[in-house]
Amino acid sequence: MRTWIDRHPGWNYTLYDNDFLNGGEFRTGPQISEYMKRGWYAGAADLLRYEILYKHGGYIAGADSICVNPIDDLFDDGGELYTVYENEFLRGQLVAPIVASAPNHPFLKEIIDRLSKIPPQQLDHPWRQTGNLFVAELIEELRPEIVIWPSHTLIPEHFLGRKYTGPGKIYAHQKFGETTDAYKFGSLLDKIREIPRSLYASSARKRLRALKASAAKDHG
């Protein structure tokens, strides 16, 4: 995380750690606890991200990311809600969970409302229930005013191996849990889940492209 501080000396920082998790009150508290109990920490992290951004706003950098350029100019468009493509050519153009927002954004409220109503014992795998697929489908359904950055800005190397080699500016590198080998040694369940991910990819790509085309037409 030091790289983010070094490259943004004018920012204010808050470190959200286990003490924050254990001492905080969250609308999705039961769901966070369930994910923690299962050891599916990505789900708990997604839920905390939405609660923090809704209450405080700001930008949340991943703990396993390395900043190489200040990202201030990514906000020059004056938007209030931001995410980034995981990769435009892999896994159906899925997007990352929300990375930045203004406080009290209605899209984040909707996310928290929906996730807080899920019985904890019925929670699905994080990528589907709280993360990439969930956010992509909700964007498609609600069509919020959201800025989706190109994947190379923050994720120039995808964990499936594809690397960005174009001229666009890279702001950060995502290590995908390398410090814990979380992505290198996935569980059997994760490997099984790759099957529906692959099946979803082609339809998701068509749906998100249609959404972007429709949005461009509406603003044309």
C-alpha atoms as a PDB file:
ATOM      1  CA  MET A   1       0.000   0.000   0.000  1.00  0.00           C
ATOM      2  CA  ARG A   2       3.000   2.289   0.451  1.00  0.00           C
ATOM      3  CA  THR A   3       3.138   2.889  -3.312  1.00  0.00           C
ATOM      4  CA  TRP A   4      -0.291   4.558  -3.232  1.00  0.00           C
ATOM      5  CA  ILE A   5       0.749   6.909  -0.445  1.00  0.00           C
ATOM      6  CA  ASP A   6       4.036   7.784  -2.129  1.00  0.00           C
ATOM      7  CA  ARG A   7       2.320   8.720  -5.397  1.00  0.00           C
ATOM      8  CA  HIS A   8      -0.559  10.668  -3.841  1.00  0.00           C
ATOM      9  CA  PRO A   9       1.016  12.808  -1.096  1.00  0.00           C
ATOM     10  CA  GLY A  10      -1.957  15.181  -1.009  1.00  0.00           C
ATOM     11  CA  TRP A  11      -4.543  12.511  -0.271  1.00  0.00           C
ATOM     12  CA  ASN A  12      -5.997  11.601   3.098  1.00  0.00           C
ATOM     13  CA  TYR A  13      -5.667   7.927   4.006  1.00  0.00           C
ATOM     14  CA  THR A  14      -7.551   5.486   6.186  1.00  0.00           C
ATOM     15  CA  LEU A  15      -6.345   1.935   6.789  1.00  0.00           C
ATOM     16  CA  TYR A  16      -9.204  -0.524   7.182  1.00  0.00           C
ATOM     17  CA  ASP A  17      -7.901  -3.567   9.010  1.00  0.00           C
ATOM     18  CA  ASN A  18      -9.175  -6.448  11.154  1.00  0.00           C
ATOM     19  CA  ASP A  19      -9.840  -4.123  14.081  1.00  0.00           C
ATOM     20  CA  PHE A  20     -12.152  -2.104  11.855  1.00  0.00           C
ATOM     21  CA  LEU A  21     -13.869  -5.285  10.721  1.00  0.00           C
ATOM     22  CA  ASN A  22     -14.338  -6.613  14.241  1.00  0.00           C
ATOM     23  CA  GLY A  23     -15.469  -3.320  15.746  1.00  0.00           C
ATOM     24  CA  GLY A  24     -17.661  -1.899  13.013  1.00  0.00           C
ATOM     25  CA  GLU A  25     -21.411  -2.035  12.523  1.00  0.00           C
ATOM     26  CA  PHE A  26     -22.444  -2.971   9.007  1.00  0.00           C
ATOM     27  CA  ARG A  27     -25.788  -3.566   7.358  1.00  0.00           C
ATOM     28  CA  THR A  28     -24.239  -6.603   5.715  1.00  0.00           C
ATOM     29  CA  GLY A  29     -22.668  -7.745   8.976  1.00  0.00           C
ATOM     30  CA  PRO A  30     -24.268 -11.246   8.953  1.00  0.00           C
ATOM     31  CA  GLN A  31     -23.133 -11.794   5.379  1.00  0.00           C
ATOM     32  CA  ILE A  32     -19.604 -10.569   6.166  1.00  0.00           C
ATOM     33  CA  SER A  33     -19.427 -12.946   9.126  1.00  0.00           C
ATOM     34  CA  GLU A  34     -20.588 -15.863   6.992  1.00  0.00           C
ATOM     35  CA  TYR A  35     -17.965 -15.235   4.336  1.00  0.00           C
ATOM     36  CA  MET A  36     -15.283 -14.930   7.006  1.00  0.00           C
ATOM     37  CA  LYS A  37     -16.426 -18.192   8.570  1.00  0.00           C
ATOM     38  CA  ARG A  38     -16.178 -19.970   5.207  1.00  0.00           C
ATOM     39  CA  GLY A  39     -12.773 -18.464   4.479  1.00  0.00           C
ATOM     40  CA  TRP A  40     -14.122 -16.711   1.375  1.00  0.00           C
ATOM     41  CA  TYR A  41     -12.424 -13.442   2.268  1.00  0.00           C
ATOM     42  CA  ALA A  42     -12.992 -11.842  -1.130  1.00  0.00           C
ATOM     43  CA  GLY A  43     -16.730 -11.782  -0.398  1.00  0.00           C
ATOM     44  CA  ALA A  44     -16.215 -10.085   2.952  1.00  0.00           C
ATOM     45  CA  ALA A  45     -13.873  -7.575   1.320  1.00  0.00           C
ATOM     46  CA  ASP A  46     -16.462  -6.771  -1.376  1.00  0.00           C
ATOM     47  CA  LEU A  47     -19.139  -6.103   1.243  1.00  0.00           C
ATOM     48  CA  LEU A  48     -16.846  -3.913   3.325  1.00  0.00           C
ATOM     49  CA  ARG A  49     -15.855  -1.987   0.204  1.00  0.00           C
ATOM     50  CA  TYR A  50     -19.483  -1.130  -0.595  1.00  0.00           C
ATOM     51  CA  GLU A  51     -20.278  -0.117   2.980  1.00  0.00           C
ATOM     52  CA  ILE A  52     -17.177   2.077   3.295  1.00  0.00           C
ATOM     53  CA  LEU A  53     -17.669   3.788  -0.057  1.00  0.00           C
ATOM     54  CA  TYR A  54     -21.340   4.425   0.635  1.00  0.00           C
ATOM     55  CA  LYS A  55     -20.618   6.008   4.005  1.00  0.00           C
ATOM     56  CA  HIS A  56     -17.389   7.867   3.277  1.00  0.00           C
ATOM     57  CA  GLY A  57     -16.857   7.949  -0.487  1.00  0.00           C
ATOM     58  CA  GLY A  58     -13.362   8.015  -1.952  1.00  0.00           C
ATOM     59  CA  TYR A  59     -11.141   5.510  -3.699  1.00  0.00           C
ATOM     60  CA  ILE A  60     -10.272   2.079  -2.316  1.00  0.00           C
ATOM     61  CA  ALA A  61      -7.046   0.528  -3.576  1.00  0.00           C
ATOM     62  CA  GLY A  62      -6.580  -3.211  -3.355  1.00  0.00           C
ATOM     63  CA  ALA A  63      -4.104  -4.323  -0.718  1.00  0.00           C
ATOM     64  CA  ASP A  64      -2.331  -6.458  -3.326  1.00  0.00           C
ATOM     65  CA  SER A  65      -2.026  -3.668  -5.916  1.00  0.00           C
ATOM     66  CA  ILE A  66       1.034  -1.591  -6.777  1.00  0.00           C
ATOM     67  CA  CYS A  67       0.599   2.018  -7.914  1.00  0.00           C
ATOM     68  CA  VAL A  68       3.033   3.193 -10.590  1.00  0.00           C
ATOM     69  CA  ASN A  69       1.436   6.542 -11.564  1.00  0.00           C
ATOM     70  CA  PRO A  70      -0.858   9.010  -9.756  1.00  0.00           C
ATOM     71  CA  ILE A  71      -4.475   8.385 -10.698  1.00  0.00           C
ATOM     72  CA  ASP A  72      -5.764  11.936 -10.158  1.00  0.00           C
ATOM     73  CA  ASP A  73      -6.347  12.526 -13.872  1.00  0.00           C
ATOM     74  CA  LEU A  74      -8.688   9.518 -14.011  1.00  0.00           C
ATOM     75  CA  PHE A  75     -11.191  11.662 -12.111  1.00  0.00           C
ATOM     76  CA  ASP A  76     -11.015  14.700 -14.395  1.00  0.00           C
ATOM     77  CA  ASP A  77     -14.404  13.815 -15.901  1.00  0.00           C
ATOM     78  CA  GLY A  78     -16.167  14.750 -12.657  1.00  0.00           C
ATOM     79  CA  GLY A  79     -17.963  11.428 -12.272  1.00  0.00           C
ATOM     80  CA  GLU A  80     -19.401  10.119  -9.024  1.00  0.00           C
ATOM     81  CA  LEU A  81     -19.142   6.347  -9.534  1.00  0.00           C
ATOM     82  CA  TYR A  82     -16.254   4.343 -10.972  1.00  0.00           C
ATOM     83  CA  THR A  83     -15.160   0.819 -11.713  1.00  0.00           C
ATOM     84  CA  VAL A  84     -12.748  -0.837 -14.144  1.00  0.00           C
ATOM     85  CA  TYR A  85     -13.032  -3.664 -16.643  1.00  0.00           C
ATOM     86  CA  GLU A  86     -11.402  -6.853 -15.420  1.00  0.00           C
ATOM     87  CA  ASN A  87     -10.384  -7.415 -19.036  1.00  0.00           C
ATOM     88  CA  GLU A  88     -12.128  -6.460 -22.271  1.00  0.00           C
ATOM     89  CA  PHE A  89     -11.260  -9.754 -23.976  1.00  0.00           C
ATOM     90  CA  LEU A  90     -11.639 -12.339 -21.220  1.00  0.00           C
ATOM     91  CA  ARG A  91     -14.509 -13.629 -19.074  1.00  0.00           C
ATOM     92  CA  GLY A  92     -17.296 -11.712 -20.797  1.00  0.00           C
ATOM     93  CA  GLN A  93     -16.034  -8.178 -20.117  1.00  0.00           C
ATOM     94  CA  LEU A  94     -16.725  -8.482 -16.411  1.00  0.00           C
ATOM     95  CA  VAL A  95     -16.024  -5.445 -14.251  1.00  0.00           C
ATOM     96  CA  ALA A  96     -14.320  -5.170 -10.898  1.00  0.00           C
ATOM     97  CA  PRO A  97     -16.331  -4.287  -7.790  1.00  0.00           C
ATOM     98  CA  ILE A  98     -16.869  -0.523  -7.431  1.00  0.00           C
ATOM     99  CA  VAL A  99     -13.500   1.165  -6.875  1.00  0.00           C
ATOM    100  CA  ALA A 100     -14.515   4.796  -6.193  1.00  0.00           C
ATOM    101  CA  SER A 101     -17.621   6.852  -5.531  1.00  0.00           C
ATOM    102  CA  ALA A 102     -19.127   9.907  -3.941  1.00  0.00           C
ATOM    103  CA  PRO A 103     -20.631   9.347  -0.460  1.00  0.00           C
ATOM    104  CA  ASN A 104     -24.229   8.122  -0.256  1.00  0.00           C
ATOM    105  CA  HIS A 105     -24.386   7.118  -3.885  1.00  0.00           C
ATOM    106  CA  PRO A 106     -27.777   5.509  -4.704  1.00  0.00           C
ATOM    107  CA  PHE A 107     -26.199   2.671  -6.692  1.00  0.00           C
ATOM    108  CA  LEU A 108     -24.162   1.634  -3.663  1.00  0.00           C
ATOM    109  CA  LYS A 109     -27.274   1.867  -1.503  1.00  0.00           C
ATOM    110  CA  GLU A 110     -29.020  -0.511  -3.892  1.00  0.00           C
ATOM    111  CA  ILE A 111     -26.070  -2.901  -3.729  1.00  0.00           C
ATOM    112  CA  ILE A 112     -26.142  -2.919   0.068  1.00  0.00           C
ATOM    113  CA  ASP A 113     -29.941  -3.216   0.179  1.00  0.00           C
ATOM    114  CA  ARG A 114     -29.890  -6.299  -2.019  1.00  0.00           C
ATOM    115  CA  LEU A 115     -26.941  -8.040  -0.426  1.00  0.00           C
ATOM    116  CA  SER A 116     -28.163  -7.427   3.138  1.00  0.00           C
ATOM    117  CA  LYS A 117     -31.369  -9.342   2.322  1.00  0.00           C
ATOM    118  CA  ILE A 118     -29.605 -12.545   1.304  1.00  0.00           C
ATOM    119  CA  PRO A 119     -29.776 -15.189   4.061  1.00  0.00           C
ATOM    120  CA  PRO A 120     -26.132 -15.788   5.026  1.00  0.00           C
ATOM    121  CA  GLN A 121     -26.384 -19.540   4.562  1.00  0.00           C
ATOM    122  CA  GLN A 122     -27.514 -18.991   0.963  1.00  0.00           C
ATOM    123  CA  LEU A 123     -24.553 -16.851  -0.081  1.00  0.00           C
ATOM    124  CA  ASP A 124     -22.937 -17.975  -3.316  1.00  0.00           C
ATOM    125  CA  HIS A 125     -19.293 -17.745  -4.335  1.00  0.00           C
ATOM    126  CA  PRO A 126     -18.093 -14.092  -4.123  1.00  0.00           C
ATOM    127  CA  TRP A 127     -17.365 -13.559  -7.837  1.00  0.00           C
ATOM    128  CA  ARG A 128     -21.003 -14.356  -8.544  1.00  0.00           C
ATOM    129  CA  GLN A 129     -22.770 -13.005  -5.439  1.00  0.00           C
ATOM    130  CA  THR A 130     -20.902  -9.833  -4.464  1.00  0.00           C
ATOM    131  CA  GLY A 131     -18.220  -9.144  -7.048  1.00  0.00           C
ATOM    132  CA  ASN A 132     -17.583  -9.138 -10.777  1.00  0.00           C
ATOM    133  CA  LEU A 133     -20.680 -10.865 -12.126  1.00  0.00           C
ATOM    134  CA  PHE A 134     -23.032  -9.284  -9.588  1.00  0.00           C
ATOM    135  CA  VAL A 135     -21.820  -5.754 -10.335  1.00  0.00           C
ATOM    136  CA  ALA A 136     -21.861  -6.274 -14.132  1.00  0.00           C
ATOM    137  CA  GLU A 137     -25.448  -7.525 -14.054  1.00  0.00           C
ATOM    138  CA  LEU A 138     -26.605  -4.750 -11.740  1.00  0.00           C
ATOM    139  CA  ILE A 139     -25.041  -2.111 -14.011  1.00  0.00           C
ATOM    140  CA  GLU A 140     -26.908  -3.672 -16.900  1.00  0.00           C
ATOM    141  CA  GLU A 141     -30.178  -3.696 -14.951  1.00  0.00           C
ATOM    142  CA  LEU A 142     -30.088  -0.225 -13.384  1.00  0.00           C
ATOM    143  CA  ARG A 143     -27.904   1.673 -15.861  1.00  0.00           C
ATOM    144  CA  PRO A 144     -26.340   4.090 -13.385  1.00  0.00           C
ATOM    145  CA  GLU A 145     -24.159   6.986 -14.489  1.00  0.00           C
ATOM    146  CA  ILE A 146     -20.874   5.144 -14.062  1.00  0.00           C
ATOM    147  CA  VAL A 147     -17.393   5.525 -15.490  1.00  0.00           C
ATOM    148  CA  ILE A 148     -15.780   2.204 -16.434  1.00  0.00           C
ATOM    149  CA  TRP A 149     -12.039   2.591 -16.911  1.00  0.00           C
ATOM    150  CA  PRO A 150     -10.189   0.434 -19.453  1.00  0.00           C
ATOM    151  CA  SER A 151      -8.647  -2.605 -17.812  1.00  0.00           C
ATOM    152  CA  HIS A 152      -5.082  -1.559 -18.646  1.00  0.00           C
ATOM    153  CA  THR A 153      -5.325   1.419 -16.306  1.00  0.00           C
ATOM    154  CA  LEU A 154      -5.386  -0.716 -13.153  1.00  0.00           C
ATOM    155  CA  ILE A 155      -5.246  -4.364 -14.310  1.00  0.00           C
ATOM    156  CA  PRO A 156      -2.762  -4.526 -17.211  1.00  0.00           C
ATOM    157  CA  GLU A 157      -1.958  -8.180 -16.440  1.00  0.00           C
ATOM    158  CA  HIS A 158      -4.950 -10.496 -16.030  1.00  0.00           C
ATOM    159  CA  PHE A 159      -4.622 -13.513 -13.758  1.00  0.00           C
ATOM    160  CA  LEU A 160      -5.457 -15.805 -16.697  1.00  0.00           C
ATOM    161  CA  GLY A 161      -2.272 -14.626 -18.393  1.00  0.00           C
ATOM    162  CA  ARG A 162      -3.278 -11.919 -20.868  1.00  0.00           C
ATOM    163  CA  LYS A 163      -1.006  -8.848 -20.707  1.00  0.00           C
ATOM    164  CA  TYR A 164      -1.620  -5.368 -22.061  1.00  0.00           C
ATOM    165  CA  THR A 165       1.002  -4.217 -24.572  1.00  0.00           C
ATOM    166  CA  GLY A 166      -0.658  -1.081 -25.977  1.00  0.00           C
ATOM    167  CA  PRO A 167       0.282   2.585 -25.614  1.00  0.00           C
ATOM    168  CA  GLY A 168      -2.288   3.496 -22.939  1.00  0.00           C
ATOM    169  CA  LYS A 169      -1.092   4.798 -19.591  1.00  0.00           C
ATOM    170  CA  ILE A 170      -0.838   2.221 -16.799  1.00  0.00           C
ATOM    171  CA  TYR A 171      -1.550   3.459 -13.286  1.00  0.00           C
ATOM    172  CA  ALA A 172      -1.293   0.285 -11.218  1.00  0.00           C
ATOM    173  CA  HIS A 173      -0.600  -3.432 -11.307  1.00  0.00           C
ATOM    174  CA  GLN A 174      -2.900  -5.931  -9.638  1.00  0.00           C
ATOM    175  CA  LYS A 175      -1.070  -8.871  -8.058  1.00  0.00           C
ATOM    176  CA  PHE A 176      -4.207 -11.022  -7.608  1.00  0.00           C
ATOM    177  CA  GLY A 177      -3.411 -12.338  -4.178  1.00  0.00           C
ATOM    178  CA  GLU A 178       0.164 -13.382  -4.945  1.00  0.00           C
ATOM    179  CA  THR A 179       1.209 -12.653  -1.387  1.00  0.00           C
ATOM    180  CA  THR A 180      -1.042 -15.491  -0.209  1.00  0.00           C
ATOM    181  CA  ASP A 181      -0.948 -17.614  -3.409  1.00  0.00           C
ATOM    182  CA  ALA A 182      -4.735 -17.254  -3.361  1.00  0.00           C
ATOM    183  CA  TYR A 183      -5.066 -17.364  -7.142  1.00  0.00           C
ATOM    184  CA  LYS A 184      -2.254 -19.821  -7.808  1.00  0.00           C
ATOM    185  CA  PHE A 185      -3.746 -22.570  -5.677  1.00  0.00           C
ATOM    186  CA  GLY A 186      -7.501 -22.177  -6.033  1.00  0.00           C
ATOM    187  CA  SER A 187      -9.867 -24.606  -4.329  1.00  0.00           C
ATOM    188  CA  LEU A 188     -11.580 -27.416  -6.189  1.00  0.00           C
ATOM    189  CA  LEU A 189     -14.790 -25.402  -5.933  1.00  0.00           C
ATOM    190  CA  ASP A 190     -13.120 -22.502  -7.760  1.00  0.00           C
ATOM    191  CA  LYS A 191     -12.077 -24.833 -10.574  1.00  0.00           C
ATOM    192  CA  ILE A 192     -15.596 -26.188 -10.867  1.00  0.00           C
ATOM    193  CA  ARG A 193     -16.958 -22.652 -10.952  1.00  0.00           C
ATOM    194  CA  GLU A 194     -14.822 -21.914 -14.033  1.00  0.00           C
ATOM    195  CA  ILE A 195     -17.329 -23.924 -16.092  1.00  0.00           C
ATOM    196  CA  PRO A 196     -20.302 -21.563 -15.558  1.00  0.00           C
ATOM    197  CA  ARG A 197     -17.923 -18.604 -15.849  1.00  0.00           C
ATOM    198  CA  SER A 198     -16.969 -19.758 -19.331  1.00  0.00           C
ATOM    199  CA  LEU A 199     -20.577 -20.356 -20.278  1.00  0.00           C
ATOM    200  CA  TYR A 200     -21.486 -16.887 -19.083  1.00  0.00           C
ATOM    201  CA  ALA A 201     -18.666 -15.162 -20.920  1.00  0.00           C
ATOM    202  CA  SER A 202     -20.105 -15.063 -24.439  1.00  0.00           C
ATOM    203  CA  SER A 203     -23.545 -13.861 -23.353  1.00  0.00           C
ATOM    204  CA  ALA A 204     -22.133 -11.272 -20.949  1.00  0.00           C
ATOM    205  CA  ARG A 205     -19.896  -9.848 -23.662  1.00  0.00           C
ATOM    206  CA  LYS A 206     -22.855  -9.383 -25.989  1.00  0.00           C
ATOM    207  CA  ARG A 207     -25.041  -7.895 -23.252  1.00  0.00           C
ATOM    208  CA  LEU A 208     -22.491  -5.352 -22.045  1.00  0.00           C
ATOM    209  CA  ARG A 209     -21.630  -4.318 -25.583  1.00  0.00           C
ATOM    210  CA  ALA A 210     -25.319  -3.823 -26.304  1.00  0.00           C
ATOM    211  CA  LEU A 211     -25.608  -1.737 -23.125  1.00  0.00           C
ATOM    212  CA  LYS A 212     -22.700   0.505 -24.146  1.00  0.00           C
ATOM    213  CA  ALA A 213     -24.123   0.900 -27.637  1.00  0.00           C
ATOM    214  CA  SER A 214     -27.513   1.833 -26.213  1.00  0.00           C
ATOM    215  CA  ALA A 215     -25.952   4.358 -23.831  1.00  0.00           C
ATOM    216  CA  ALA A 216     -23.995   5.945 -26.671  1.00  0.00           C
ATOM    217  CA  LYS A 217     -27.164   6.209 -28.742  1.00  0.00           C
ATOM    218  CA  ASP A 218     -29.041   7.815 -25.839  1.00  0.00           C
ATOM    219  CA  HIS A 219     -26.315  10.458 -25.513  1.00  0.00           C
ATOM    220  CA  GLY A 220     -25.900  10.907 -29.249  1.00  0.00           C
END
